[in-house]
PDB file of N, CA and C in Angstrom:
ATOM      1  N   MET A   1       2.761   8.295-111.240  1.00  0.00           N
ATOM      2  CA  MET A   1       3.949   8.925-111.486  1.00  0.00           C
ATOM      3  C   MET A   1       4.824   7.932-112.210  1.00  0.00           C
ATOM      4  N   ALA A   2       5.433   8.126-112.881  1.00  0.00           N
ATOM      5  CA  ALA A   2       6.513   6.745-113.689  1.00  0.00           C
ATOM      6  C   ALA A   2       8.503   7.635-113.020  1.00  0.00           C
ATOM      7  N   LEU A   3       8.811   6.520-112.731  1.00  0.00           N
ATOM      8  CA  LEU A   3      10.199   7.038-111.202  1.00  0.00           C
ATOM      9  C   LEU A   3      10.997   6.103-112.366  1.00  0.00           C
ATOM     10  N   THR A   4      12.673   7.291-113.034  1.00  0.00           N
ATOM     11  CA  THR A   4      13.396   6.099-113.247  1.00  0.00           C
ATOM     12  C   THR A   4      14.660   5.920-112.377  1.00  0.00           C
ATOM     13  N   PHE A   5      15.649   5.058-112.359  1.00  0.00           N
ATOM     14  CA  PHE A   5      16.614   4.646-111.158  1.00  0.00           C
ATOM     15  C   PHE A   5      16.748   6.151-110.295  1.00  0.00           C
ATOM     16  N   ASP A   6      17.639   6.610-111.536  1.00  0.00           N
ATOM     17  CA  ASP A   6      18.336   8.506-111.028  1.00  0.00           C
ATOM     18  C   ASP A   6      16.609   8.939-110.375  1.00  0.00           C
ATOM     19  N   ASP A   7      15.282   9.113-110.625  1.00  0.00           N
ATOM     20  CA  ASP A   7      14.765   9.854-110.082  1.00  0.00           C
ATOM     21  C   ASP A   7      14.589   8.933-108.746  1.00  0.00           C
ATOM     22  N   PHE A   8      14.489   7.777-108.922  1.00  0.00           N
ATOM     23  CA  PHE A   8      14.606   7.933-107.131  1.00  0.00           C
ATOM     24  C   PHE A   8      15.540   7.329-106.553  1.00  0.00           C
ATOM     25  N   GLN A   9      16.357   7.272-106.661  1.00  0.00           N
ATOM     26  CA  GLN A   9      17.952   7.504-106.079  1.00  0.00           C
ATOM     27  C   GLN A   9      17.779   9.147-105.689  1.00  0.00           C
ATOM     28  N   GLY A  10      17.465   9.621-106.759  1.00  0.00           N
ATOM     29  CA  GLY A  10      17.361  11.447-106.017  1.00  0.00           C
ATOM     30  C   GLY A  10      16.546  11.571-105.202  1.00  0.00           C
ATOM     31  N   LEU A  11      15.459  10.842-104.995  1.00  0.00           N
ATOM     32  CA  LEU A  11      14.059  10.783-104.476  1.00  0.00           C
ATOM     33  C   LEU A  11      14.570  10.730-102.980  1.00  0.00           C
ATOM     34  N   ILE A  12      14.586   9.212-102.928  1.00  0.00           N
ATOM     35  CA  ILE A  12      15.088   9.401-101.784  1.00  0.00           C
ATOM     36  C   ILE A  12      16.647   9.871-101.063  1.00  0.00           C
ATOM     37  N   ASP A  13      17.649   9.996-101.718  1.00  0.00           N
ATOM     38  CA  ASP A  13      18.020  11.749-100.981  1.00  0.00           C
ATOM     39  C   ASP A  13      17.848  12.775-100.704  1.00  0.00           C
ATOM     40  N   ARG A  14      16.993  13.447-100.769  1.00  0.00           N
ATOM     41  CA  ARG A  14      16.141  14.204-100.744  1.00  0.00           C
ATOM     42  C   ARG A  14      16.156  14.393 -99.818  1.00  0.00           C
ATOM     43  N   MET A  15      15.074  12.378 -99.422  1.00  0.00           N
ATOM     44  CA  MET A  15      14.160  13.196 -98.553  1.00  0.00           C
ATOM     45  C   MET A  15      15.344  11.943 -97.005  1.00  0.00           C
ATOM     46  N   TYR A  16      16.138  10.948 -97.008  1.00  0.00           N
ATOM     47  CA  TYR A  16      17.165  10.788 -95.971  1.00  0.00           C
ATOM     48  C   TYR A  16      18.316  10.635 -96.712  1.00  0.00           C
ATOM     49  N   GLY A  17      19.111  11.303 -97.039  1.00  0.00           N
ATOM     50  CA  GLY A  17      20.296  11.681 -97.198  1.00  0.00           C
ATOM     51  C   GLY A  17      21.220  12.627 -96.343  1.00  0.00           C
ATOM     52  N   GLU A  18      21.215  13.481 -95.503  1.00  0.00           N
ATOM     53  CA  GLU A  18      22.311  13.439 -94.630  1.00  0.00           C
ATOM     54  C   GLU A  18      22.213  12.851 -93.795  1.00  0.00           C
ATOM     55  N   LYS A  19      21.018  12.169 -93.521  1.00  0.00           N
ATOM     56  CA  LYS A  19      20.324  11.123 -91.697  1.00  0.00           C
ATOM     57  C   LYS A  19      20.705   9.793 -92.373  1.00  0.00           C
ATOM     58  N   ASP A  20      20.694   9.628 -93.243  1.00  0.00           N
ATOM     59  CA  ASP A  20      21.542   7.704 -93.801  1.00  0.00           C
ATOM     60  C   ASP A  20      23.061   8.040 -94.122  1.00  0.00           C
ATOM     61  N   ARG A  21      23.191   9.830 -94.507  1.00  0.00           N
ATOM     62  CA  ARG A  21      25.588   9.447 -94.475  1.00  0.00           C
ATOM     63  C   ARG A  21      26.035   9.524 -92.918  1.00  0.00           C
ATOM     64  N   ALA A  22      24.852  10.395 -92.053  1.00  0.00           N
ATOM     65  CA  ALA A  22      25.439  10.156 -91.039  1.00  0.00           C
ATOM     66  C   ALA A  22      25.180   8.824 -89.948  1.00  0.00           C
ATOM     67  N   ARG A  23      24.791   7.638 -90.388  1.00  0.00           N
ATOM     68  CA  ARG A  23      24.460   6.645 -90.306  1.00  0.00           C
ATOM     69  C   ARG A  23      25.742   5.810 -90.565  1.00  0.00           C
ATOM     70  N   GLY A  24      25.638   5.940 -92.465  1.00  0.00           N
ATOM     71  CA  GLY A  24      27.347   5.374 -92.719  1.00  0.00           C
ATOM     72  C   GLY A  24      26.954   4.062 -93.054  1.00  0.00           C
ATOM     73  N   SER A  25      27.554   3.550 -93.848  1.00  0.00           N
ATOM     74  CA  SER A  25      26.836   2.276 -94.770  1.00  0.00           C
ATOM     75  C   SER A  25      26.810   0.853 -93.970  1.00  0.00           C
ATOM     76  N   THR A  26      27.262   0.731 -92.597  1.00  0.00           N
ATOM     77  CA  THR A  26      27.384  -0.138 -92.240  1.00  0.00           C
ATOM     78  C   THR A  26      26.064  -0.043 -91.218  1.00  0.00           C
ATOM     79  N   ALA A  27      26.154   0.661 -90.715  1.00  0.00           N
ATOM     80  CA  ALA A  27      24.644   0.786 -89.661  1.00  0.00           C
ATOM     81  C   ALA A  27      23.117   0.707 -91.037  1.00  0.00           C
ATOM     82  N   THR A  28      23.303   1.440 -91.856  1.00  0.00           N
ATOM     83  CA  THR A  28      22.467   1.484 -93.112  1.00  0.00           C
ATOM     84  C   THR A  28      22.088  -0.328 -93.839  1.00  0.00           C
ATOM     85  N   PHE A  29      22.965  -0.874 -93.575  1.00  0.00           N
ATOM     86  CA  PHE A  29      23.184  -2.076 -94.325  1.00  0.00           C
ATOM     87  C   PHE A  29      22.465  -2.954 -92.967  1.00  0.00           C
ATOM     88  N   LEU A  30      22.740  -2.877 -92.190  1.00  0.00           N
ATOM     89  CA  LEU A  30      21.886  -3.707 -90.826  1.00  0.00           C
ATOM     90  C   LEU A  30      20.103  -3.576 -91.258  1.00  0.00           C
ATOM     91  N   TRP A  31      19.819  -2.071 -91.289  1.00  0.00           N
ATOM     92  CA  TRP A  31      18.860  -1.454 -91.567  1.00  0.00           C
ATOM     93  C   TRP A  31      18.123  -2.662 -93.420  1.00  0.00           C
ATOM     94  N   LEU A  32      18.683  -3.004 -94.182  1.00  0.00           N
ATOM     95  CA  LEU A  32      18.743  -3.061 -94.917  1.00  0.00           C
ATOM     96  C   LEU A  32      18.026  -5.146 -94.737  1.00  0.00           C
ATOM     97  N   CYS A  33      19.120  -5.384 -94.215  1.00  0.00           N
ATOM     98  CA  CYS A  33      18.907  -6.675 -93.706  1.00  0.00           C
ATOM     99  C   CYS A  33      17.864  -7.067 -92.799  1.00  0.00           C
ATOM    100  N   GLU A  34      17.407  -6.357 -92.306  1.00  0.00           N
ATOM    101  CA  GLU A  34      16.582  -6.586 -91.583  1.00  0.00           C
ATOM    102  C   GLU A  34      14.709  -5.642 -92.441  1.00  0.00           C
ATOM    103  N   GLU A  35      15.032  -5.420 -93.031  1.00  0.00           N
ATOM    104  CA  GLU A  35      13.843  -4.729 -93.956  1.00  0.00           C
ATOM    105  C   GLU A  35      13.958  -6.223 -95.421  1.00  0.00           C
ATOM    106  N   VAL A  36      14.949  -6.728 -95.298  1.00  0.00           N
ATOM    107  CA  VAL A  36      14.648  -8.275 -96.356  1.00  0.00           C
ATOM    108  C   VAL A  36      14.082  -9.609 -95.906  1.00  0.00           C
ATOM    109  N   GLY A  37      14.418  -9.383 -93.943  1.00  0.00           N
ATOM    110  CA  GLY A  37      13.908 -10.073 -93.234  1.00  0.00           C
ATOM    111  C   GLY A  37      12.238 -10.119 -93.699  1.00  0.00           C
ATOM    112  N   GLU A  38      12.042  -8.985 -93.079  1.00  0.00           N
ATOM    113  CA  GLU A  38      10.260  -9.018 -93.888  1.00  0.00           C
ATOM    114  C   GLU A  38       9.788  -8.905 -94.827  1.00  0.00           C
ATOM    115  N   LEU A  39      10.836  -8.484 -95.790  1.00  0.00           N
ATOM    116  CA  LEU A  39      10.467  -9.549 -97.162  1.00  0.00           C
ATOM    117  C   LEU A  39       9.916 -10.508 -96.973  1.00  0.00           C
ATOM    118  N   ALA A  40      11.138 -11.235 -96.797  1.00  0.00           N
ATOM    119  CA  ALA A  40      10.316 -12.697 -96.757  1.00  0.00           C
ATOM    120  C   ALA A  40       9.091 -13.522 -95.444  1.00  0.00           C
ATOM    121  N   ALA A  41       9.308 -12.327 -94.276  1.00  0.00           N
ATOM    122  CA  ALA A  41       8.104 -12.892 -93.766  1.00  0.00           C
ATOM    123  C   ALA A  41       6.542 -12.060 -95.071  1.00  0.00           C
ATOM    124  N   ALA A  42       7.270 -11.122 -95.827  1.00  0.00           N
ATOM    125  CA  ALA A  42       5.464 -11.134 -96.749  1.00  0.00           C
ATOM    126  C   ALA A  42       5.453 -11.990 -97.392  1.00  0.00           C
ATOM    127  N   ILE A  43       6.084 -12.813 -97.957  1.00  0.00           N
ATOM    128  CA  ILE A  43       6.269 -13.858 -98.768  1.00  0.00           C
ATOM    129  C   ILE A  43       5.349 -14.886 -99.161  1.00  0.00           C
ATOM    130  N   ARG A  44       6.021 -14.829 -97.677  1.00  0.00           N
ATOM    131  CA  ARG A  44       5.567 -16.303 -96.485  1.00  0.00           C
ATOM    132  C   ARG A  44       4.580 -16.383 -96.661  1.00  0.00           C
ATOM    133  N   GLU A  45       4.100 -15.621 -96.170  1.00  0.00           N
ATOM    134  CA  GLU A  45       2.683 -15.047 -95.335  1.00  0.00           C
ATOM    135  C   GLU A  45       1.278 -13.623 -96.049  1.00  0.00           C
ATOM    136  N   GLY A  46       2.602 -13.170 -96.474  1.00  0.00           N
ATOM    137  CA  GLY A  46       1.388 -11.861 -96.684  1.00  0.00           C
ATOM    138  C   GLY A  46       0.655 -11.341 -97.262  1.00  0.00           C
ATOM    139  N   THR A  47       0.168 -10.294 -97.419  1.00  0.00           N
ATOM    140  CA  THR A  47      -0.887  -9.767 -98.536  1.00  0.00           C
ATOM    141  C   THR A  47      -0.028  -9.835 -99.997  1.00  0.00           C
ATOM    142  N   HIS A  48      -0.524  -9.231-100.963  1.00  0.00           N
ATOM    143  CA  HIS A  48      -0.171  -8.594-102.058  1.00  0.00           C
ATOM    144  C   HIS A  48       0.407  -7.392-101.610  1.00  0.00           C
ATOM    145  N   ALA A  49      -0.672  -6.853-100.747  1.00  0.00           N
ATOM    146  CA  ALA A  49       0.204  -4.913-100.296  1.00  0.00           C
ATOM    147  C   ALA A  49       0.841  -5.337 -99.212  1.00  0.00           C
ATOM    148  N   GLU A  50       1.094  -6.118 -99.001  1.00  0.00           N
ATOM    149  CA  GLU A  50       2.329  -5.929 -98.033  1.00  0.00           C
ATOM    150  C   GLU A  50       3.486  -6.658 -98.653  1.00  0.00           C
ATOM    151  N   LYS A  51       3.800  -6.741 -99.258  1.00  0.00           N
ATOM    152  CA  LYS A  51       4.687  -8.141-100.344  1.00  0.00           C
ATOM    153  C   LYS A  51       4.973  -6.562-100.839  1.00  0.00           C
ATOM    154  N   GLU A  52       4.523  -5.681-101.755  1.00  0.00           N
ATOM    155  CA  GLU A  52       4.739  -4.287-102.445  1.00  0.00           C
ATOM    156  C   GLU A  52       5.029  -3.522-101.534  1.00  0.00           C
ATOM    157  N   GLY A  53       4.442  -3.441-100.143  1.00  0.00           N
ATOM    158  CA  GLY A  53       5.473  -2.643 -99.462  1.00  0.00           C
ATOM    159  C   GLY A  53       6.625  -2.339 -98.985  1.00  0.00           C
ATOM    160  N   GLU A  54       7.523  -4.394 -98.754  1.00  0.00           N
ATOM    161  CA  GLU A  54       8.848  -4.372 -98.208  1.00  0.00           C
ATOM    162  C   GLU A  54       9.180  -4.487-100.201  1.00  0.00           C
ATOM    163  N   PHE A  55       8.944  -4.600-100.819  1.00  0.00           N
ATOM    164  CA  PHE A  55       9.760  -4.830-101.852  1.00  0.00           C
ATOM    165  C   PHE A  55      10.325  -3.737-102.129  1.00  0.00           C
ATOM    166  N   ALA A  56       9.427  -2.141-102.166  1.00  0.00           N
ATOM    167  CA  ALA A  56       9.493  -1.125-101.510  1.00  0.00           C
ATOM    168  C   ALA A  56      10.245  -0.404-100.726  1.00  0.00           C
ATOM    169  N   ASP A  57      10.302  -1.187 -99.335  1.00  0.00           N
ATOM    170  CA  ASP A  57      11.455  -1.292 -98.470  1.00  0.00           C
ATOM    171  C   ASP A  57      12.948  -1.488 -99.007  1.00  0.00           C
ATOM    172  N   VAL A  58      13.140  -2.668 -99.410  1.00  0.00           N
ATOM    173  CA  VAL A  58      14.339  -2.566 -99.668  1.00  0.00           C
ATOM    174  C   VAL A  58      14.563  -2.627-100.443  1.00  0.00           C
ATOM    175  N   LEU A  59      14.069  -1.827-101.602  1.00  0.00           N
ATOM    176  CA  LEU A  59      14.461  -0.951-102.697  1.00  0.00           C
ATOM    177  C   LEU A  59      15.195   0.326-102.232  1.00  0.00           C
ATOM    178  N   ALA A  60      14.883   0.776-101.509  1.00  0.00           N
ATOM    179  CA  ALA A  60      14.399   1.766-100.655  1.00  0.00           C
ATOM    180  C   ALA A  60      15.877   2.492 -99.809  1.00  0.00           C
ATOM    181  N   TRP A  61      16.890   0.721 -99.109  1.00  0.00           N
ATOM    182  CA  TRP A  61      17.228   0.793 -98.537  1.00  0.00           C
ATOM    183  C   TRP A  61      18.589  -0.028 -99.095  1.00  0.00           C
ATOM    184  N   VAL A  62      18.268  -0.281-100.486  1.00  0.00           N
ATOM    185  CA  VAL A  62      19.574  -1.114-101.561  1.00  0.00           C
ATOM    186  C   VAL A  62      20.066   0.963-101.941  1.00  0.00           C
ATOM    187  N   THR A  63      18.888   1.585-102.003  1.00  0.00           N
ATOM    188  CA  THR A  63      19.504   3.117-103.191  1.00  0.00           C
ATOM    189  C   THR A  63      19.667   3.542-102.079  1.00  0.00           C
ATOM    190  N   THR A  64      19.686   3.380-100.475  1.00  0.00           N
ATOM    191  CA  THR A  64      20.196   4.337 -99.631  1.00  0.00           C
ATOM    192  C   THR A  64      21.954   4.032 -99.677  1.00  0.00           C
ATOM    193  N   ILE A  65      21.864   2.719 -99.382  1.00  0.00           N
ATOM    194  CA  ILE A  65      23.444   2.513 -99.139  1.00  0.00           C
ATOM    195  C   ILE A  65      24.209   3.114-100.418  1.00  0.00           C
ATOM    196  N   ALA A  66      23.037   2.682-101.330  1.00  0.00           N
ATOM    197  CA  ALA A  66      24.397   3.140-103.360  1.00  0.00           C
ATOM    198  C   ALA A  66      24.459   4.594-102.108  1.00  0.00           C
ATOM    199  N   ASN A  67      23.654   5.099-102.372  1.00  0.00           N
ATOM    200  CA  ASN A  67      23.619   7.172-102.022  1.00  0.00           C
ATOM    201  C   ASN A  67      24.791   7.321-101.320  1.00  0.00           C
ATOM    202  N   VAL A  68      25.051   6.191-100.204  1.00  0.00           N
ATOM    203  CA  VAL A  68      25.983   6.916 -98.646  1.00  0.00           C
ATOM    204  C   VAL A  68      27.243   6.706 -99.705  1.00  0.00           C
ATOM    205  N   GLU A  69      27.223   5.166-100.169  1.00  0.00           N
ATOM    206  CA  GLU A  69      28.173   4.840-101.211  1.00  0.00           C
ATOM    207  C   GLU A  69      29.073   6.157-102.224  1.00  0.00           C
ATOM    208  N   GLY A  70      27.759   6.355-102.610  1.00  0.00           N
ATOM    209  CA  GLY A  70      28.469   7.601-103.609  1.00  0.00           C
ATOM    210  C   GLY A  70      28.013   6.625-105.334  1.00  0.00           C
ATOM    211  N   VAL A  71      27.057   5.740-105.187  1.00  0.00           N
ATOM    212  CA  VAL A  71      27.128   4.484-106.418  1.00  0.00           C
ATOM    213  C   VAL A  71      26.013   5.283-107.362  1.00  0.00           C
ATOM    214  N   ASN A  72      25.925   5.472-108.235  1.00  0.00           N
ATOM    215  CA  ASN A  72      24.573   5.695-109.443  1.00  0.00           C
ATOM    216  C   ASN A  72      24.128   4.475-109.764  1.00  0.00           C
ATOM    217  N   LEU A  73      23.217   4.220-109.382  1.00  0.00           N
ATOM    218  CA  LEU A  73      22.796   2.982-109.515  1.00  0.00           C
ATOM    219  C   LEU A  73      22.087   2.566-110.912  1.00  0.00           C
ATOM    220  N   THR A  74      21.619   3.462-111.833  1.00  0.00           N
ATOM    221  CA  THR A  74      21.955   3.658-113.048  1.00  0.00           C
ATOM    222  C   THR A  74      22.697   2.780-114.048  1.00  0.00           C
ATOM    223  N   GLU A  75      24.159   3.946-113.391  1.00  0.00           N
ATOM    224  CA  GLU A  75      25.014   3.190-114.297  1.00  0.00           C
ATOM    225  C   GLU A  75      25.987   1.830-113.874  1.00  0.00           C
ATOM    226  N   ALA A  76      25.490   1.821-112.741  1.00  0.00           N
ATOM    227  CA  ALA A  76      25.589  -0.164-111.969  1.00  0.00           C
ATOM    228  C   ALA A  76      25.219  -0.488-113.065  1.00  0.00           C
ATOM    229  N   VAL A  77      23.648  -0.736-113.185  1.00  0.00           N
ATOM    230  CA  VAL A  77      22.706  -1.878-113.968  1.00  0.00           C
ATOM    231  C   VAL A  77      23.204  -1.484-115.355  1.00  0.00           C
ATOM    232  N   ARG A  78      23.303  -0.759-115.697  1.00  0.00           N
ATOM    233  CA  ARG A  78      23.654  -0.444-117.162  1.00  0.00           C
ATOM    234  C   ARG A  78      25.261  -1.149-117.559  1.00  0.00           C
ATOM    235  N   LYS A  79      25.969  -1.216-116.544  1.00  0.00           N
ATOM    236  CA  LYS A  79      27.786  -1.598-116.522  1.00  0.00           C
ATOM    237  C   LYS A  79      27.324  -3.324-116.376  1.00  0.00           C
ATOM    238  N   LYS A  80      26.547  -3.272-115.459  1.00  0.00           N
ATOM    239  CA  LYS A  80      26.243  -4.884-115.640  1.00  0.00           C
ATOM    240  C   LYS A  80      25.730  -5.676-116.254  1.00  0.00           C
ATOM    241  N   TYR A  81      24.012  -5.392-116.337  1.00  0.00           N
ATOM    242  CA  TYR A  81      23.081  -6.185-117.185  1.00  0.00           C
ATOM    243  C   TYR A  81      23.520  -4.936-118.322  1.00  0.00           C
ATOM    244  N   GLY A  82      23.418  -4.356-118.587  1.00  0.00           N
ATOM    245  CA  GLY A  82      23.101  -3.468-120.328  1.00  0.00           C
ATOM    246  C   GLY A  82      23.345  -4.314-121.387  1.00  0.00           C
ATOM    247  N   GLU A  83      24.221  -4.803-121.246  1.00  0.00           N
ATOM    248  CA  GLU A  83      24.571  -6.133-122.558  1.00  0.00           C
ATOM    249  C   GLU A  83      24.263  -6.885-122.822  1.00  0.00           C
ATOM    250  N   GLY A  84      23.323  -7.502-121.466  1.00  0.00           N
ATOM    251  CA  GLY A  84      23.055  -8.663-121.406  1.00  0.00           C
ATOM    252  C   GLY A  84      23.605  -9.323-119.818  1.00  0.00           C
ATOM    253  N   CYS A  85      23.339 -10.968-119.869  1.00  0.00           N
ATOM    254  CA  CYS A  85      23.963 -11.461-119.107  1.00  0.00           C
ATOM    255  C   CYS A  85      25.608 -11.684-118.551  1.00  0.00           C
ATOM    256  N   PRO A  86      26.115 -11.197-117.610  1.00  0.00           N
ATOM    257  CA  PRO A  86      27.288 -10.890-117.387  1.00  0.00           C
ATOM    258  C   PRO A  86      28.284 -12.539-117.712  1.00  0.00           C
ATOM    259  N   GLY A  87      27.479 -13.570-117.520  1.00  0.00           N
ATOM    260  CA  GLY A  87      28.015 -14.674-117.738  1.00  0.00           C
ATOM    261  C   GLY A  87      28.294 -14.773-119.039  1.00  0.00           C
ATOM    262  N   CYS A  88      26.892 -14.948-119.821  1.00  0.00           N
ATOM    263  CA  CYS A  88      27.316 -15.366-121.286  1.00  0.00           C
ATOM    264  C   CYS A  88      26.615 -14.036-122.879  1.00  0.00           C
ATOM    265  N   GLY A  89      26.543 -13.294-121.721  1.00  0.00           N
ATOM    266  CA  GLY A  89      26.204 -12.142-122.504  1.00  0.00           C
ATOM    267  C   GLY A  89      25.523 -11.930-123.420  1.00  0.00           C
ATOM    268  N   LEU A  90      23.943 -12.633-122.755  1.00  0.00           N
ATOM    269  CA  LEU A  90      22.677 -12.446-123.891  1.00  0.00           C
ATOM    270  C   LEU A  90      21.870 -12.182-123.265  1.00  0.00           C
ATOM    271  N   PHE A  91      20.944 -11.552-123.653  1.00  0.00           N
ATOM    272  CA  PHE A  91      19.447 -10.975-122.748  1.00  0.00           C
ATOM    273  C   PHE A  91      18.894 -12.364-122.421  1.00  0.00           C
ATOM    274  N   VAL A  92      18.543 -13.376-123.057  1.00  0.00           N
ATOM    275  CA  VAL A  92      17.893 -14.696-121.923  1.00  0.00           C
ATOM    276  C   VAL A  92      19.518 -15.683-121.795  1.00  0.00           C
ATOM    277  N   CYS A  93      19.639 -15.463-120.998  1.00  0.00           N
ATOM    278  CA  CYS A  93      20.371 -16.314-120.403  1.00  0.00           C
ATOM    279  C   CYS A  93      20.908 -17.717-120.268  1.00  0.00           C
ATOM    280  N   THR A  94      22.187 -18.013-121.064  1.00  0.00           N
ATOM    281  CA  THR A  94      21.921 -20.091-121.283  1.00  0.00           C
ATOM    282  C   THR A  94      22.827 -20.480-120.408  1.00  0.00           C
ATOM    283  N   CYS A  95      23.579 -19.660-119.199  1.00  0.00           N
ATOM    284  CA  CYS A  95      24.674 -20.228-118.225  1.00  0.00           C
ATOM    285  C   CYS A  95      24.112 -20.968-117.949  1.00  0.00           C
ATOM    286  N   ASN A  96      25.134 -21.952-117.553  1.00  0.00           N
ATOM    287  CA  ASN A  96      24.226 -23.621-116.950  1.00  0.00           C
ATOM    288  C   ASN A  96      24.143 -23.088-115.344  1.00  0.00           C
ATOM    289  N   GLU A  97      22.824 -23.801-114.970  1.00  0.00           N
ATOM    290  CA  GLU A  97      22.990 -23.237-113.865  1.00  0.00           C
ATOM    291  C   GLU A  97      22.710 -24.444-113.257  1.00  0.00           C
ATOM    292  N   LYS A  98      23.268 -24.735-111.889  1.00  0.00           N
ATOM    293  CA  LYS A  98      22.639 -25.879-111.370  1.00  0.00           C
ATOM    294  C   LYS A  98      21.381 -26.234-110.846  1.00  0.00           C
ATOM    295  N   PRO A  99      20.482 -27.117-110.661  1.00  0.00           N
ATOM    296  CA  PRO A  99      18.816 -27.770-109.952  1.00  0.00           C
ATOM    297  C   PRO A  99      18.301 -26.741-108.988  1.00  0.00           C
TER     298      PRO A  99
END
């Protein structure tokens, strides 16, 4: 089943929205931090399936915070990256990066 950002954001909101809003952004952000740590461990030594699961969890917690804060992720991504790199404006970034 293919999911758009809008589909996924709605799914997460239907599943967890009431609990997420009751918990609030700060506590939810702490859950996200924990999931990022689990992702780091999976990248370091996990299986491909473990990595997939942890990436999905991190994406879900980012989506949860967006829902609590009233941010539409599709619009946010379109505004920030829809015209290319926010720095140079190109779709293949040419910004100077530090090594």
